[in-house]
Amino acid sequence: MTEQEKAAAGLLYDANFDPELIAARGRAKDLCLDYNLTRSTQPHERRTLLHTLLAACGEDAVIEPPFYVDYGSNIRIGRGFFANHNLVILDGAAVTFGDHVFIGPNCCFSTAGHPLDPAQRNAGLEYAKPITVGSNVWIGMGVQVLPGVTIGDNAVIGAGSVVTHDIPAGMLAVGVPCRPVRAIAAKPRRVIL
């Protein structure tokens, strides 16, 4: 079993010394650098780089530089995606975003975790658990999402939260650790003509 296969299976894998994973991260880092050096007047170049870097990406996705990933090949982004500056996605496992996800600045989604045993950590071992974010989700600035978390459709995560457990659909959740505080009530929409 390759180290990449171990990561996909949720097993401990060698992230630091495996030549295949090192090469994949190097490719992704180079593409991120290219992306981060684009100008705001180069939307076509940005789209092309995102489609090269990511496993799947909605045509209208917008990610404000700087943007950083580990591999990119494990990230799927839906339609109407917007992320403000300094998005970090550590994608040792799958990271999936639904449609119409809005992410504030300085957010991190990390699938990577490390063993408590120092000998295993020092040997370069880690594990990865997938992260899933539903559709119509708003994530405030400075939010950290940890390995294995699912955030349901129509949820809102308050600024500065650390999401350590799943957040149900339609909930406002805040805090460290992040906890659901109330359902987001459907209200009549005001139409402006």
Protein backbone atom coordinates (compact mmCIF):
# COMPACT_ATOMS: atom_id res chain seq x y z
CA MET A 1 0.00 0.00 0.00
CA THR A 2 1.43 3.41 -0.95
CA GLU A 3 1.58 6.28 1.52
CA GLN A 4 -1.10 8.08 -0.50
CA GLU A 5 -3.36 5.00 -0.28
CA LYS A 6 -2.78 4.84 3.48
CA ALA A 7 -3.79 8.51 3.77
CA ALA A 8 -6.97 7.90 1.76
CA ALA A 9 -7.83 4.96 4.05
CA GLY A 10 -7.41 7.11 7.18
CA LEU A 11 -4.33 5.19 8.34
CA LEU A 12 -1.07 6.61 9.63
CA TYR A 13 1.12 7.49 6.66
CA ASP A 14 4.54 8.96 6.00
CA ALA A 15 3.89 12.56 4.98
CA ASN A 16 7.40 13.89 5.49
CA PHE A 17 9.71 11.39 3.83
CA ASP A 18 7.68 9.73 1.04
CA PRO A 19 9.10 10.88 -2.35
CA GLU A 20 5.72 10.65 -4.13
CA LEU A 21 3.97 12.88 -1.59
CA ILE A 22 6.90 15.29 -1.46
CA ALA A 23 6.74 15.67 -5.25
CA ALA A 24 2.96 16.16 -5.19
CA ARG A 25 3.26 18.87 -2.52
CA GLY A 26 6.04 20.55 -4.51
CA ARG A 27 3.85 20.69 -7.61
CA ALA A 28 0.97 22.16 -5.58
CA LYS A 29 3.22 24.74 -3.89
CA ASP A 30 4.51 25.87 -7.28
CA LEU A 31 0.96 26.25 -8.62
CA CYS A 32 -0.07 28.17 -5.49
CA LEU A 33 2.90 30.50 -5.96
CA ASP A 34 1.88 31.09 -9.58
CA TYR A 35 -1.71 31.75 -8.47
CA ASN A 36 -0.66 34.11 -5.69
CA LEU A 37 1.46 36.15 -8.11
CA THR A 38 -1.45 36.83 -10.49
CA ARG A 39 -2.95 40.27 -10.71
CA SER A 40 -6.60 41.04 -10.04
CA THR A 41 -6.86 41.90 -13.75
CA GLN A 42 -6.00 38.27 -14.66
CA PRO A 43 -9.20 36.33 -13.84
CA HIS A 44 -8.70 33.91 -16.77
CA GLU A 45 -5.21 32.98 -15.55
CA ARG A 46 -6.54 32.47 -12.02
CA ARG A 47 -9.35 30.20 -13.24
CA THR A 48 -6.92 28.16 -15.33
CA LEU A 49 -4.57 27.70 -12.37
CA LEU A 50 -7.43 26.69 -10.05
CA HIS A 51 -8.66 24.11 -12.57
CA THR A 52 -5.10 22.76 -12.86
CA LEU A 53 -4.51 22.68 -9.10
CA LEU A 54 -7.84 21.37 -7.77
CA ALA A 55 -9.65 18.05 -8.36
CA ALA A 56 -12.85 19.95 -9.24
CA CYS A 57 -13.75 23.62 -9.28
CA GLY A 58 -16.92 25.49 -10.25
CA GLU A 59 -16.38 27.82 -13.22
CA ASP A 60 -17.31 30.88 -11.18
CA ALA A 61 -15.19 30.13 -8.09
CA VAL A 62 -13.25 33.08 -6.68
CA ILE A 63 -10.36 32.70 -4.25
CA GLU A 64 -8.54 35.87 -3.29
CA PRO A 65 -4.77 35.41 -3.01
CA PRO A 66 -2.87 34.36 -1.10
CA PHE A 67 -4.15 30.79 -1.22
CA TYR A 68 -2.27 27.71 0.00
CA VAL A 69 -2.85 23.94 -0.25
CA ASP A 70 -0.88 20.78 0.45
CA TYR A 71 -1.85 18.84 -2.69
CA GLY A 72 -4.92 20.43 -4.30
CA SER A 73 -5.81 17.11 -5.88
CA ASN A 74 -8.09 16.25 -2.94
CA ILE A 75 -10.13 19.48 -3.08
CA ARG A 76 -13.54 19.81 -4.74
CA ILE A 77 -15.24 23.22 -4.90
CA GLY A 78 -18.81 23.81 -6.09
CA ARG A 79 -20.43 26.69 -7.95
CA GLY A 80 -20.62 30.22 -6.54
CA PHE A 81 -17.67 29.66 -4.18
CA PHE A 82 -15.95 32.72 -2.72
CA ALA A 83 -12.98 32.75 -0.34
CA ASN A 84 -11.36 35.91 0.92
CA HIS A 85 -7.61 36.37 1.43
CA ASN A 86 -5.35 33.79 3.08
CA LEU A 87 -7.32 30.56 2.68
CA VAL A 88 -5.31 27.48 3.72
CA ILE A 89 -6.49 23.96 2.87
CA LEU A 90 -4.31 21.09 4.09
CA ASP A 91 -5.77 18.31 1.97
CA GLY A 92 -4.16 15.01 2.89
CA ALA A 93 -7.74 13.67 2.61
CA ALA A 94 -10.75 14.88 0.63
CA VAL A 95 -12.01 18.42 1.24
CA THR A 96 -15.38 19.07 -0.40
CA PHE A 97 -17.29 22.36 -0.58
CA GLY A 98 -20.86 22.53 -1.89
CA ASP A 99 -22.35 25.35 -3.93
CA HIS A 100 -22.49 28.97 -2.75
CA VAL A 101 -19.98 28.71 0.08
CA PHE A 102 -18.59 32.01 1.39
CA ILE A 103 -15.38 31.99 3.44
CA GLY A 104 -13.96 34.99 5.29
CA PRO A 105 -10.25 35.88 5.40
CA ASN A 106 -7.63 33.89 7.33
CA CYS A 107 -9.42 30.53 7.44
CA CYS A 108 -7.85 27.07 7.58
CA PHE A 109 -9.30 23.65 6.74
CA SER A 110 -6.92 20.92 7.89
CA THR A 111 -7.49 17.23 7.26
CA ALA A 112 -4.12 16.46 8.87
CA GLY A 113 -3.70 15.22 12.41
CA HIS A 114 -0.72 13.84 14.25
CA PRO A 115 -0.29 10.93 16.66
CA LEU A 116 0.10 11.68 20.37
CA ASP A 117 3.14 9.40 20.50
CA PRO A 118 6.27 11.55 19.91
CA ALA A 119 8.22 8.71 18.27
CA GLN A 120 5.49 8.35 15.61
CA ARG A 121 5.36 12.13 15.07
CA ASN A 122 9.14 12.33 14.81
CA ALA A 123 9.06 9.52 12.23
CA GLY A 124 6.95 11.82 10.03
CA LEU A 125 3.68 9.94 10.52
CA GLU A 126 0.30 11.64 10.40
CA TYR A 127 -3.29 10.77 9.54
CA ALA A 128 -5.89 12.54 7.44
CA LYS A 129 -9.67 12.65 7.79
CA PRO A 130 -11.97 14.25 5.20
CA ILE A 131 -13.74 17.58 5.65
CA THR A 132 -17.13 18.27 4.04
CA VAL A 133 -18.83 21.66 3.84
CA GLY A 134 -22.39 21.70 2.49
CA SER A 135 -24.04 24.26 0.21
CA ASN A 136 -25.05 27.80 1.18
CA VAL A 137 -22.59 27.89 4.08
CA TRP A 138 -21.02 31.08 5.40
CA ILE A 139 -17.78 30.76 7.35
CA GLY A 140 -16.63 33.88 9.18
CA MET A 141 -13.08 35.22 9.30
CA GLY A 142 -10.40 33.36 11.20
CA VAL A 143 -12.26 30.04 11.41
CA GLN A 144 -10.26 26.82 11.82
CA VAL A 145 -11.87 23.53 10.71
CA LEU A 146 -10.27 20.34 12.04
CA PRO A 147 -9.97 16.84 10.53
CA GLY A 148 -13.10 14.78 10.02
CA VAL A 149 -15.62 17.63 10.35
CA THR A 150 -18.84 17.96 8.34
CA ILE A 151 -20.66 21.29 8.21
CA GLY A 152 -24.25 20.93 7.00
CA ASP A 153 -26.08 22.94 4.35
CA ASN A 154 -27.17 26.49 5.23
CA ALA A 155 -24.99 26.67 8.36
CA VAL A 156 -23.17 29.80 9.52
CA ILE A 157 -19.90 29.56 11.47
CA GLY A 158 -19.05 32.64 13.54
CA ALA A 159 -15.72 34.44 13.22
CA GLY A 160 -12.80 33.00 15.17
CA SER A 161 -14.45 29.63 15.78
CA VAL A 162 -12.53 26.36 16.00
CA VAL A 163 -14.73 23.64 14.52
CA THR A 164 -13.82 20.33 16.17
CA HIS A 165 -17.09 18.43 15.63
CA ASP A 166 -19.84 18.21 13.01
CA ILE A 167 -22.24 21.16 12.71
CA PRO A 168 -25.82 20.30 11.68
CA ALA A 169 -27.52 21.92 8.70
CA GLY A 170 -29.25 25.25 9.23
CA MET A 171 -27.45 26.13 12.47
CA LEU A 172 -25.55 29.19 13.63
CA ALA A 173 -22.46 27.87 15.44
CA VAL A 174 -19.76 29.83 17.27
CA GLY A 175 -16.94 29.49 19.75
CA VAL A 176 -13.85 27.61 20.78
CA PRO A 177 -14.73 24.84 20.50
CA CYS A 178 -17.47 25.69 18.02
CA ARG A 179 -20.98 24.71 19.13
CA PRO A 180 -24.41 25.21 17.55
CA VAL A 181 -26.24 28.05 19.34
CA ARG A 182 -29.51 28.29 17.43
CA ALA A 183 -31.32 27.36 14.26
CA ILE A 184 -31.27 29.93 11.52
CA ALA A 185 -34.94 30.81 11.12
CA ALA A 186 -36.39 31.27 7.68
CA LYS A 187 -37.62 34.84 7.36
CA PRO A 188 -39.71 36.47 4.65
CA ARG A 189 -37.47 37.96 1.99
CA ARG A 190 -37.61 41.62 1.19
CA VAL A 191 -37.56 42.21 -2.53
CA ILE A 192 -35.95 45.36 -3.84
CA LEU A 193 -36.89 46.37 -7.34
